[in-house]
């Protein structure tokens, strides 16, 4: 089986919100899809290890916010790589509470849905929740939604470990090396050991104040991974 074949499946990028007993949380999801039109129902796949999954099971409701292509990396980092059991993920972002009281992210989003669970299916490592749409709204009709392919290819992002699409890199086919390890610092890429983000010196990190053409060694020590927020010391040199 070729794991790379799964990369050709298309996905969006969303924030799923939940609230129960006064606790709210949200996480980045790429497996959200419509399953019926009448009544309108959406399905989401949640890791059993996610804090949000517990809140969704307790409350019986969830929300989905469709992220825009230009959504800030801060949203993806906080919602995707931080634990909601430790912090309030919605604290620094614009959100509203829906009819059910569940949080709905509105910042950096194009539209949102609020759903009540109608079915729950155990699929092993994850739970598939199917919910009837109680309410929905378009926030911005002029922008494009971000796709998971764009997130991977342009933002160098990878799926968090609890995502249904997470792939153990040890299972990937080894790339064919066309040359030995480079001695040119501008060609040497570095990888985050936590989230898999790749720092490419030729691209830099403009949003983080690092100009294109900046070797990894020249990045200030207080720079952090633009995806998960860990420090520079958590990056390792990649093979050429």
C-alpha atoms as a PDB file:
ATOM      1  CA  UNK A   1       0.000   0.000   0.000  1.00  0.00           C
ATOM      2  CA  UNK A   2       1.314   3.465  -0.923  1.00  0.00           C
ATOM      3  CA  UNK A   3       0.576   5.932   1.890  1.00  0.00           C
ATOM      4  CA  UNK A   4       1.164   8.827  -0.518  1.00  0.00           C
ATOM      5  CA  UNK A   5      -2.065   7.908  -2.345  1.00  0.00           C
ATOM      6  CA  UNK A   6      -4.014   9.284   0.609  1.00  0.00           C
ATOM      7  CA  UNK A   7      -2.458  12.722   0.007  1.00  0.00           C
ATOM      8  CA  UNK A   8      -4.531  12.989  -3.181  1.00  0.00           C
ATOM      9  CA  UNK A   9      -7.804  13.013  -1.235  1.00  0.00           C
ATOM     10  CA  UNK A  10      -9.046  16.582  -0.876  1.00  0.00           C
ATOM     11  CA  UNK A  11      -9.977  18.239   2.411  1.00  0.00           C
ATOM     12  CA  UNK A  12     -10.835  21.617   3.824  1.00  0.00           C
ATOM     13  CA  UNK A  13      -9.611  23.101   7.106  1.00  0.00           C
ATOM     14  CA  UNK A  14     -12.041  23.924   9.891  1.00  0.00           C
ATOM     15  CA  UNK A  15     -12.353  24.725  13.580  1.00  0.00           C
ATOM     16  CA  UNK A  16     -14.739  22.461  15.483  1.00  0.00           C
ATOM     17  CA  UNK A  17     -16.088  23.981  18.690  1.00  0.00           C
ATOM     18  CA  UNK A  18     -17.659  22.350  21.749  1.00  0.00           C
ATOM     19  CA  UNK A  19     -18.853  23.260  25.239  1.00  0.00           C
ATOM     20  CA  UNK A  20     -20.032  21.272  28.259  1.00  0.00           C
ATOM     21  CA  UNK A  21     -20.468  22.100  31.936  1.00  0.00           C
ATOM     22  CA  UNK A  22     -18.974  25.564  31.469  1.00  0.00           C
ATOM     23  CA  UNK A  23     -15.868  24.283  29.654  1.00  0.00           C
ATOM     24  CA  UNK A  24     -15.312  25.198  26.008  1.00  0.00           C
ATOM     25  CA  UNK A  25     -12.771  23.995  23.507  1.00  0.00           C
ATOM     26  CA  UNK A  26     -11.999  23.842  19.805  1.00  0.00           C
ATOM     27  CA  UNK A  27      -9.658  22.015  17.484  1.00  0.00           C
ATOM     28  CA  UNK A  28      -8.483  22.058  13.874  1.00  0.00           C
ATOM     29  CA  UNK A  29     -10.269  19.494  11.694  1.00  0.00           C
ATOM     30  CA  UNK A  30      -9.940  18.527   8.055  1.00  0.00           C
ATOM     31  CA  UNK A  31     -12.563  15.776   8.045  1.00  0.00           C
ATOM     32  CA  UNK A  32     -15.846  17.685   7.932  1.00  0.00           C
ATOM     33  CA  UNK A  33     -18.353  16.825   5.238  1.00  0.00           C
ATOM     34  CA  UNK A  34     -22.060  17.053   4.425  1.00  0.00           C
ATOM     35  CA  UNK A  35     -23.827  13.685   4.468  1.00  0.00           C
ATOM     36  CA  UNK A  36     -27.468  14.599   3.761  1.00  0.00           C
ATOM     37  CA  UNK A  37     -29.416  17.553   2.367  1.00  0.00           C
ATOM     38  CA  UNK A  38     -32.867  16.979   3.912  1.00  0.00           C
ATOM     39  CA  UNK A  39     -32.418  17.376   6.781  1.00  0.00           C
ATOM     40  CA  UNK A  40     -28.974  18.963   6.367  1.00  0.00           C
ATOM     41  CA  UNK A  41     -26.397  16.944   8.312  1.00  0.00           C
ATOM     42  CA  UNK A  42     -22.632  17.231   8.733  1.00  0.00           C
ATOM     43  CA  UNK A  43     -20.159  14.584   9.911  1.00  0.00           C
ATOM     44  CA  UNK A  44     -16.919  15.091  11.817  1.00  0.00           C
ATOM     45  CA  UNK A  45     -14.247  12.584  12.850  1.00  0.00           C
ATOM     46  CA  UNK A  46     -12.801  13.142  16.345  1.00  0.00           C
ATOM     47  CA  UNK A  47      -9.906  11.396  18.047  1.00  0.00           C
ATOM     48  CA  UNK A  48     -10.864   9.636  21.260  1.00  0.00           C
ATOM     49  CA  UNK A  49      -7.850  11.377  22.835  1.00  0.00           C
ATOM     50  CA  UNK A  50      -9.155  14.878  22.045  1.00  0.00           C
ATOM     51  CA  UNK A  51     -10.476  16.946  24.942  1.00  0.00           C
ATOM     52  CA  UNK A  52     -13.158  18.274  22.567  1.00  0.00           C
ATOM     53  CA  UNK A  53     -14.485  14.754  21.979  1.00  0.00           C
ATOM     54  CA  UNK A  54     -15.423  14.469  25.653  1.00  0.00           C
ATOM     55  CA  UNK A  55     -17.249  17.811  25.530  1.00  0.00           C
ATOM     56  CA  UNK A  56     -19.122  16.847  22.358  1.00  0.00           C
ATOM     57  CA  UNK A  57     -20.225  13.520  23.845  1.00  0.00           C
ATOM     58  CA  UNK A  58     -21.424  15.219  27.049  1.00  0.00           C
ATOM     59  CA  UNK A  59     -23.290  18.078  25.336  1.00  0.00           C
ATOM     60  CA  UNK A  60     -24.508  16.356  22.176  1.00  0.00           C
ATOM     61  CA  UNK A  61     -23.676  19.410  20.054  1.00  0.00           C
ATOM     62  CA  UNK A  62     -20.784  20.838  18.073  1.00  0.00           C
ATOM     63  CA  UNK A  63     -19.992  23.754  15.787  1.00  0.00           C
ATOM     64  CA  UNK A  64     -17.950  24.004  12.604  1.00  0.00           C
ATOM     65  CA  UNK A  65     -16.248  27.179  11.337  1.00  0.00           C
ATOM     66  CA  UNK A  66     -14.862  27.211   7.788  1.00  0.00           C
ATOM     67  CA  UNK A  67     -11.397  28.794   7.799  1.00  0.00           C
ATOM     68  CA  UNK A  68     -10.453  31.349   5.142  1.00  0.00           C
ATOM     69  CA  UNK A  69      -7.343  30.988   3.016  1.00  0.00           C
ATOM     70  CA  UNK A  70      -5.810  33.990   4.793  1.00  0.00           C
ATOM     71  CA  UNK A  71      -6.735  32.878   8.317  1.00  0.00           C
ATOM     72  CA  UNK A  72      -3.953  33.735  10.734  1.00  0.00           C
ATOM     73  CA  UNK A  73      -1.405  31.091  11.628  1.00  0.00           C
ATOM     74  CA  UNK A  74      -2.121  31.926  15.279  1.00  0.00           C
ATOM     75  CA  UNK A  75      -5.572  30.369  14.920  1.00  0.00           C
ATOM     76  CA  UNK A  76      -4.197  27.172  13.388  1.00  0.00           C
ATOM     77  CA  UNK A  77      -1.396  26.953  15.958  1.00  0.00           C
ATOM     78  CA  UNK A  78      -3.584  27.525  19.011  1.00  0.00           C
ATOM     79  CA  UNK A  79      -6.496  25.381  17.886  1.00  0.00           C
ATOM     80  CA  UNK A  80      -4.357  22.620  16.405  1.00  0.00           C
ATOM     81  CA  UNK A  81      -1.334  22.228  18.663  1.00  0.00           C
ATOM     82  CA  UNK A  82      -2.358  23.386  22.150  1.00  0.00           C
ATOM     83  CA  UNK A  83      -4.333  21.416  24.726  1.00  0.00           C
ATOM     84  CA  UNK A  84      -7.744  22.793  25.632  1.00  0.00           C
ATOM     85  CA  UNK A  85      -7.513  21.132  29.036  1.00  0.00           C
ATOM     86  CA  UNK A  86      -4.786  23.672  29.912  1.00  0.00           C
ATOM     87  CA  UNK A  87      -5.989  26.877  28.224  1.00  0.00           C
ATOM     88  CA  UNK A  88      -9.094  28.569  26.808  1.00  0.00           C
ATOM     89  CA  UNK A  89      -8.357  28.316  23.098  1.00  0.00           C
ATOM     90  CA  UNK A  90     -11.006  30.898  22.195  1.00  0.00           C
ATOM     91  CA  UNK A  91      -9.706  33.550  24.599  1.00  0.00           C
ATOM     92  CA  UNK A  92      -7.714  35.618  22.094  1.00  0.00           C
ATOM     93  CA  UNK A  93     -10.033  35.233  19.109  1.00  0.00           C
ATOM     94  CA  UNK A  94     -13.425  36.572  18.060  1.00  0.00           C
ATOM     95  CA  UNK A  95     -16.235  34.100  18.675  1.00  0.00           C
ATOM     96  CA  UNK A  96     -19.915  33.926  19.522  1.00  0.00           C
ATOM     97  CA  UNK A  97     -22.064  31.371  21.325  1.00  0.00           C
ATOM     98  CA  UNK A  98     -24.729  29.597  19.284  1.00  0.00           C
ATOM     99  CA  UNK A  99     -28.272  28.613  20.173  1.00  0.00           C
ATOM    100  CA  UNK A 100     -26.922  25.626  22.110  1.00  0.00           C
ATOM    101  CA  UNK A 101     -24.275  27.665  23.932  1.00  0.00           C
ATOM    102  CA  UNK A 102     -21.437  26.049  21.978  1.00  0.00           C
ATOM    103  CA  UNK A 103     -18.621  28.414  20.875  1.00  0.00           C
ATOM    104  CA  UNK A 104     -18.442  29.437  17.206  1.00  0.00           C
ATOM    105  CA  UNK A 105     -15.176  30.901  15.916  1.00  0.00           C
ATOM    106  CA  UNK A 106     -15.885  33.902  13.655  1.00  0.00           C
ATOM    107  CA  UNK A 107     -12.383  35.337  13.242  1.00  0.00           C
ATOM    108  CA  UNK A 108     -10.662  34.305  10.008  1.00  0.00           C
ATOM    109  CA  UNK A 109     -13.713  32.318   8.921  1.00  0.00           C
ATOM    110  CA  UNK A 110     -16.052  32.326   5.920  1.00  0.00           C
ATOM    111  CA  UNK A 111     -19.092  30.605   7.423  1.00  0.00           C
ATOM    112  CA  UNK A 112     -20.208  28.495  10.357  1.00  0.00           C
ATOM    113  CA  UNK A 113     -22.610  25.690  11.305  1.00  0.00           C
ATOM    114  CA  UNK A 114     -24.147  24.641  14.595  1.00  0.00           C
ATOM    115  CA  UNK A 115     -25.153  20.980  14.875  1.00  0.00           C
ATOM    116  CA  UNK A 116     -26.996  18.591  17.182  1.00  0.00           C
ATOM    117  CA  UNK A 117     -25.738  14.996  17.179  1.00  0.00           C
ATOM    118  CA  UNK A 118     -28.056  12.441  15.572  1.00  0.00           C
ATOM    119  CA  UNK A 119     -25.637   9.513  15.338  1.00  0.00           C
ATOM    120  CA  UNK A 120     -22.342   8.418  16.867  1.00  0.00           C
ATOM    121  CA  UNK A 121     -20.173   5.729  15.280  1.00  0.00           C
ATOM    122  CA  UNK A 122     -17.094   4.212  16.887  1.00  0.00           C
ATOM    123  CA  UNK A 123     -14.441   3.738  14.178  1.00  0.00           C
ATOM    124  CA  UNK A 124     -11.540   2.609  16.368  1.00  0.00           C
ATOM    125  CA  UNK A 125      -9.131   5.445  17.142  1.00  0.00           C
ATOM    126  CA  UNK A 126     -11.811   8.023  16.317  1.00  0.00           C
ATOM    127  CA  UNK A 127     -15.528   8.653  16.779  1.00  0.00           C
ATOM    128  CA  UNK A 128     -17.631   9.748  13.822  1.00  0.00           C
ATOM    129  CA  UNK A 129     -20.268  12.247  14.936  1.00  0.00           C
ATOM    130  CA  UNK A 130     -23.155  13.024  12.580  1.00  0.00           C
ATOM    131  CA  UNK A 131     -25.108  16.141  13.439  1.00  0.00           C
ATOM    132  CA  UNK A 132     -28.195  17.880  12.083  1.00  0.00           C
ATOM    133  CA  UNK A 133     -27.542  21.537  11.262  1.00  0.00           C
ATOM    134  CA  UNK A 134     -29.556  23.753  13.616  1.00  0.00           C
ATOM    135  CA  UNK A 135     -28.220  27.047  12.322  1.00  0.00           C
ATOM    136  CA  UNK A 136     -25.645  28.390   9.854  1.00  0.00           C
ATOM    137  CA  UNK A 137     -24.366  31.705   8.557  1.00  0.00           C
ATOM    138  CA  UNK A 138     -22.100  33.118   5.836  1.00  0.00           C
ATOM    139  CA  UNK A 139     -19.576  35.580   7.245  1.00  0.00           C
ATOM    140  CA  UNK A 140     -17.606  36.417   4.109  1.00  0.00           C
ATOM    141  CA  UNK A 141     -18.665  35.427   0.587  1.00  0.00           C
ATOM    142  CA  UNK A 142     -15.767  37.129  -1.203  1.00  0.00           C
ATOM    143  CA  UNK A 143     -12.832  35.075   0.129  1.00  0.00           C
ATOM    144  CA  UNK A 144     -11.688  31.518  -0.586  1.00  0.00           C
ATOM    145  CA  UNK A 145     -11.642  28.689   1.965  1.00  0.00           C
ATOM    146  CA  UNK A 146      -8.280  27.205   2.858  1.00  0.00           C
ATOM    147  CA  UNK A 147      -7.723  23.622   1.724  1.00  0.00           C
ATOM    148  CA  UNK A 148      -5.573  21.054   3.471  1.00  0.00           C
ATOM    149  CA  UNK A 149      -3.481  20.766   0.287  1.00  0.00           C
ATOM    150  CA  UNK A 150      -2.740  24.505   0.420  1.00  0.00           C
ATOM    151  CA  UNK A 151      -1.894  24.217   4.115  1.00  0.00           C
ATOM    152  CA  UNK A 152       0.554  21.384   3.384  1.00  0.00           C
ATOM    153  CA  UNK A 153       2.150  22.752   0.223  1.00  0.00           C
ATOM    154  CA  UNK A 154       2.233  26.501   0.847  1.00  0.00           C
ATOM    155  CA  UNK A 155       2.335  26.797   4.626  1.00  0.00           C
ATOM    156  CA  UNK A 156       4.377  23.611   5.115  1.00  0.00           C
ATOM    157  CA  UNK A 157       1.851  22.421   7.665  1.00  0.00           C
ATOM    158  CA  UNK A 158       1.185  18.832   8.707  1.00  0.00           C
ATOM    159  CA  UNK A 159      -1.696  17.064  10.422  1.00  0.00           C
ATOM    160  CA  UNK A 160      -1.515  16.883  14.243  1.00  0.00           C
ATOM    161  CA  UNK A 161      -1.013  13.390  15.692  1.00  0.00           C
ATOM    162  CA  UNK A 162      -4.693  13.013  16.646  1.00  0.00           C
ATOM    163  CA  UNK A 163      -5.961  13.942  13.174  1.00  0.00           C
ATOM    164  CA  UNK A 164      -7.652  11.173  11.146  1.00  0.00           C
ATOM    165  CA  UNK A 165      -5.216  11.940   8.310  1.00  0.00           C
ATOM    166  CA  UNK A 166      -2.044  11.808  10.427  1.00  0.00           C
ATOM    167  CA  UNK A 167       0.694   9.747   8.757  1.00  0.00           C
ATOM    168  CA  UNK A 168       3.673   8.214  10.542  1.00  0.00           C
ATOM    169  CA  UNK A 169       6.594   9.500   8.481  1.00  0.00           C
ATOM    170  CA  UNK A 170       8.442   6.218   8.944  1.00  0.00           C
ATOM    171  CA  UNK A 171       5.833   4.636   6.641  1.00  0.00           C
ATOM    172  CA  UNK A 172       6.521   7.004   3.772  1.00  0.00           C
ATOM    173  CA  UNK A 173       8.675   5.994   0.862  1.00  0.00           C
ATOM    174  CA  UNK A 174      12.225   7.278   1.287  1.00  0.00           C
ATOM    175  CA  UNK A 175      12.952  10.148  -1.131  1.00  0.00           C
ATOM    176  CA  UNK A 176      15.578   9.622  -3.764  1.00  0.00           C
ATOM    177  CA  UNK A 177      18.672  11.655  -2.877  1.00  0.00           C
ATOM    178  CA  UNK A 178      20.125  13.453  -5.838  1.00  0.00           C
ATOM    179  CA  UNK A 179      23.080  14.904  -3.971  1.00  0.00           C
ATOM    180  CA  UNK A 180      24.980  14.661  -0.731  1.00  0.00           C
ATOM    181  CA  UNK A 181      24.156  16.852   2.248  1.00  0.00           C
ATOM    182  CA  UNK A 182      24.513  20.457   1.216  1.00  0.00           C
ATOM    183  CA  UNK A 183      27.034  22.809   2.750  1.00  0.00           C
ATOM    184  CA  UNK A 184      25.089  25.831   1.532  1.00  0.00           C
ATOM    185  CA  UNK A 185      23.057  27.160   4.509  1.00  0.00           C
ATOM    186  CA  UNK A 186      20.500  28.648   2.101  1.00  0.00           C
ATOM    187  CA  UNK A 187      19.677  25.179   0.785  1.00  0.00           C
ATOM    188  CA  UNK A 188      19.638  23.430   4.159  1.00  0.00           C
ATOM    189  CA  UNK A 189      16.095  22.882   5.450  1.00  0.00           C
ATOM    190  CA  UNK A 190      15.171  22.226   9.080  1.00  0.00           C
ATOM    191  CA  UNK A 191      12.199  20.319  10.477  1.00  0.00           C
ATOM    192  CA  UNK A 192      10.221  20.860  13.680  1.00  0.00           C
ATOM    193  CA  UNK A 193      10.289  17.650  15.737  1.00  0.00           C
ATOM    194  CA  UNK A 194       6.901  18.447  17.282  1.00  0.00           C
ATOM    195  CA  UNK A 195       4.610  19.333  14.362  1.00  0.00           C
ATOM    196  CA  UNK A 196       6.736  18.574  11.288  1.00  0.00           C
ATOM    197  CA  UNK A 197       6.827  22.146   9.990  1.00  0.00           C
ATOM    198  CA  UNK A 198       9.741  22.663   7.593  1.00  0.00           C
ATOM    199  CA  UNK A 199      11.800  25.840   7.708  1.00  0.00           C
ATOM    200  CA  UNK A 200      13.088  26.675   4.221  1.00  0.00           C
ATOM    201  CA  UNK A 201      15.763  29.423   4.294  1.00  0.00           C
ATOM    202  CA  UNK A 202      14.795  30.511   0.789  1.00  0.00           C
ATOM    203  CA  UNK A 203      11.249  31.247   1.989  1.00  0.00           C
ATOM    204  CA  UNK A 204      12.053  32.402   5.530  1.00  0.00           C
ATOM    205  CA  UNK A 205       9.165  33.191   7.854  1.00  0.00           C
ATOM    206  CA  UNK A 206       7.897  36.670   6.873  1.00  0.00           C
ATOM    207  CA  UNK A 207       4.982  36.495   9.326  1.00  0.00           C
ATOM    208  CA  UNK A 208       7.493  35.818  12.103  1.00  0.00           C
ATOM    209  CA  UNK A 209       9.866  38.591  11.025  1.00  0.00           C
ATOM    210  CA  UNK A 210      12.348  36.310   9.242  1.00  0.00           C
ATOM    211  CA  UNK A 211      13.108  37.522   5.731  1.00  0.00           C
ATOM    212  CA  UNK A 212      13.508  35.101   2.786  1.00  0.00           C
ATOM    213  CA  UNK A 213      17.146  34.147   2.348  1.00  0.00           C
ATOM    214  CA  UNK A 214      17.842  33.799   6.097  1.00  0.00           C
ATOM    215  CA  UNK A 215      19.851  30.669   7.044  1.00  0.00           C
ATOM    216  CA  UNK A 216      18.439  28.779  10.024  1.00  0.00           C
ATOM    217  CA  UNK A 217      21.589  29.485  12.037  1.00  0.00           C
ATOM    218  CA  UNK A 218      20.983  33.246  11.677  1.00  0.00           C
ATOM    219  CA  UNK A 219      17.453  33.147  13.084  1.00  0.00           C
ATOM    220  CA  UNK A 220      17.211  34.822  16.537  1.00  0.00           C
ATOM    221  CA  UNK A 221      17.159  32.356  19.441  1.00  0.00           C
ATOM    222  CA  UNK A 222      13.750  33.611  20.598  1.00  0.00           C
ATOM    223  CA  UNK A 223      12.109  32.660  17.279  1.00  0.00           C
ATOM    224  CA  UNK A 224       9.409  29.987  17.563  1.00  0.00           C
ATOM    225  CA  UNK A 225       7.852  27.517  15.161  1.00  0.00           C
ATOM    226  CA  UNK A 226       5.080  29.358  13.268  1.00  0.00           C
ATOM    227  CA  UNK A 227       2.833  26.288  13.455  1.00  0.00           C
ATOM    228  CA  UNK A 228       3.079  24.870  16.982  1.00  0.00           C
ATOM    229  CA  UNK A 229       5.080  27.542  18.846  1.00  0.00           C
ATOM    230  CA  UNK A 230       8.009  25.450  20.101  1.00  0.00           C
ATOM    231  CA  UNK A 231      11.492  26.958  20.247  1.00  0.00           C
ATOM    232  CA  UNK A 232      14.247  26.939  17.640  1.00  0.00           C
ATOM    233  CA  UNK A 233      16.102  24.202  19.524  1.00  0.00           C
ATOM    234  CA  UNK A 234      13.291  21.748  18.699  1.00  0.00           C
ATOM    235  CA  UNK A 235      14.234  21.789  14.994  1.00  0.00           C
ATOM    236  CA  UNK A 236      16.542  19.237  13.399  1.00  0.00           C
ATOM    237  CA  UNK A 237      18.559  19.412  10.202  1.00  0.00           C
ATOM    238  CA  UNK A 238      17.027  17.547   7.263  1.00  0.00           C
ATOM    239  CA  UNK A 239      18.894  15.419   4.769  1.00  0.00           C
ATOM    240  CA  UNK A 240      19.520  17.139   1.440  1.00  0.00           C
END
